[in-house]
Amino acid sequence: MAIKKKGSGRRFGARYGKKLRDKVSEIEKKYKNRRLTCPYCTKQQVKRLSSGIWNCKACETKFTGKAYEI
């Protein structure tokens, strides 16, 4: 039975189980290549720098939040 590869979780191949690979794919789909709204200037210019660290390019504000969402 072949593994159906989809999303960014396909990089794990046959390791870690299907549910965990699907969860990784869903989480990464939410935060990659998507700009979020800044809580300070309300513009959609926020990108994730690393786990829990966010940066707004419009007002140059760097702040903390959740790992994958503000």
Protein backbone atom coordinates (compact mmCIF):
# COMPACT_ATOMS: atom_id res chain seq x y z
CA MET A 1 0.00 0.00 0.00
CA ALA A 2 1.56 3.27 -1.12
CA ILE A 3 1.68 6.39 1.00
CA LYS A 4 -0.37 9.23 -0.43
CA LYS A 5 1.96 12.21 -0.22
CA LYS A 6 0.46 15.66 0.12
CA GLY A 7 1.45 19.02 1.47
CA SER A 8 4.68 19.85 3.23
CA GLY A 9 4.51 16.68 5.35
CA ARG A 10 5.65 14.64 2.38
CA ARG A 11 9.26 15.40 3.27
CA PHE A 12 8.99 12.85 6.11
CA GLY A 13 8.33 9.95 3.74
CA ALA A 14 7.02 6.85 5.54
CA ARG A 15 8.15 8.02 8.99
CA TYR A 16 6.09 9.29 11.96
CA GLY A 17 2.64 8.12 10.82
CA LYS A 18 -0.02 9.58 8.57
CA LYS A 19 -1.85 11.62 11.21
CA LEU A 20 1.27 13.47 12.32
CA ARG A 21 2.33 14.18 8.75
CA ASP A 22 -1.14 15.55 8.01
CA LYS A 23 -1.03 17.75 11.13
CA VAL A 24 2.34 19.18 10.09
CA SER A 25 0.96 19.90 6.62
CA GLU A 26 -2.07 21.74 8.04
CA ILE A 27 0.00 23.83 10.47
CA GLU A 28 2.53 24.82 7.84
CA LYS A 29 -0.20 25.64 5.34
CA LYS A 30 -1.62 28.13 7.86
CA TYR A 31 1.55 30.10 8.52
CA LYS A 32 3.72 29.82 5.41
CA ASN A 33 3.30 32.38 2.63
CA ARG A 34 0.54 34.22 4.47
CA ARG A 35 0.65 37.67 5.96
CA LEU A 36 -1.28 38.35 9.14
CA THR A 37 -2.76 41.57 10.52
CA CYS A 38 -0.56 43.62 12.82
CA PRO A 39 -2.13 44.30 16.25
CA TYR A 40 -0.43 47.72 16.39
CA CYS A 41 -0.99 49.29 12.95
CA THR A 42 -3.75 46.94 11.62
CA LYS A 43 -2.00 46.37 8.28
CA GLN A 44 -1.45 42.94 6.77
CA GLN A 45 2.33 43.05 6.87
CA VAL A 46 3.20 40.58 9.66
CA LYS A 47 5.45 37.63 8.92
CA ARG A 48 6.82 34.96 11.23
CA LEU A 49 10.56 35.22 11.92
CA SER A 50 10.88 32.12 14.10
CA SER A 51 8.82 30.19 16.61
CA GLY A 52 6.75 32.78 18.49
CA ILE A 53 8.56 35.84 17.07
CA TRP A 54 6.67 38.04 14.59
CA ASN A 55 7.69 41.14 12.63
CA CYS A 56 5.54 43.84 11.02
CA LYS A 57 7.18 45.31 7.95
CA ALA A 58 4.89 48.36 7.88
CA CYS A 59 5.56 49.74 11.37
CA GLU A 60 8.85 47.86 12.01
CA THR A 61 7.45 46.31 15.21
CA LYS A 62 8.83 43.01 16.47
CA PHE A 63 6.66 41.19 18.99
CA THR A 64 5.93 37.75 20.42
CA GLY A 65 2.87 35.56 20.10
CA LYS A 66 1.91 31.96 19.65
CA ALA A 67 4.17 29.67 17.67
CA TYR A 68 2.07 29.53 14.51
CA GLU A 69 -0.50 32.32 14.95
CA ILE A 70 -0.52 35.74 16.55
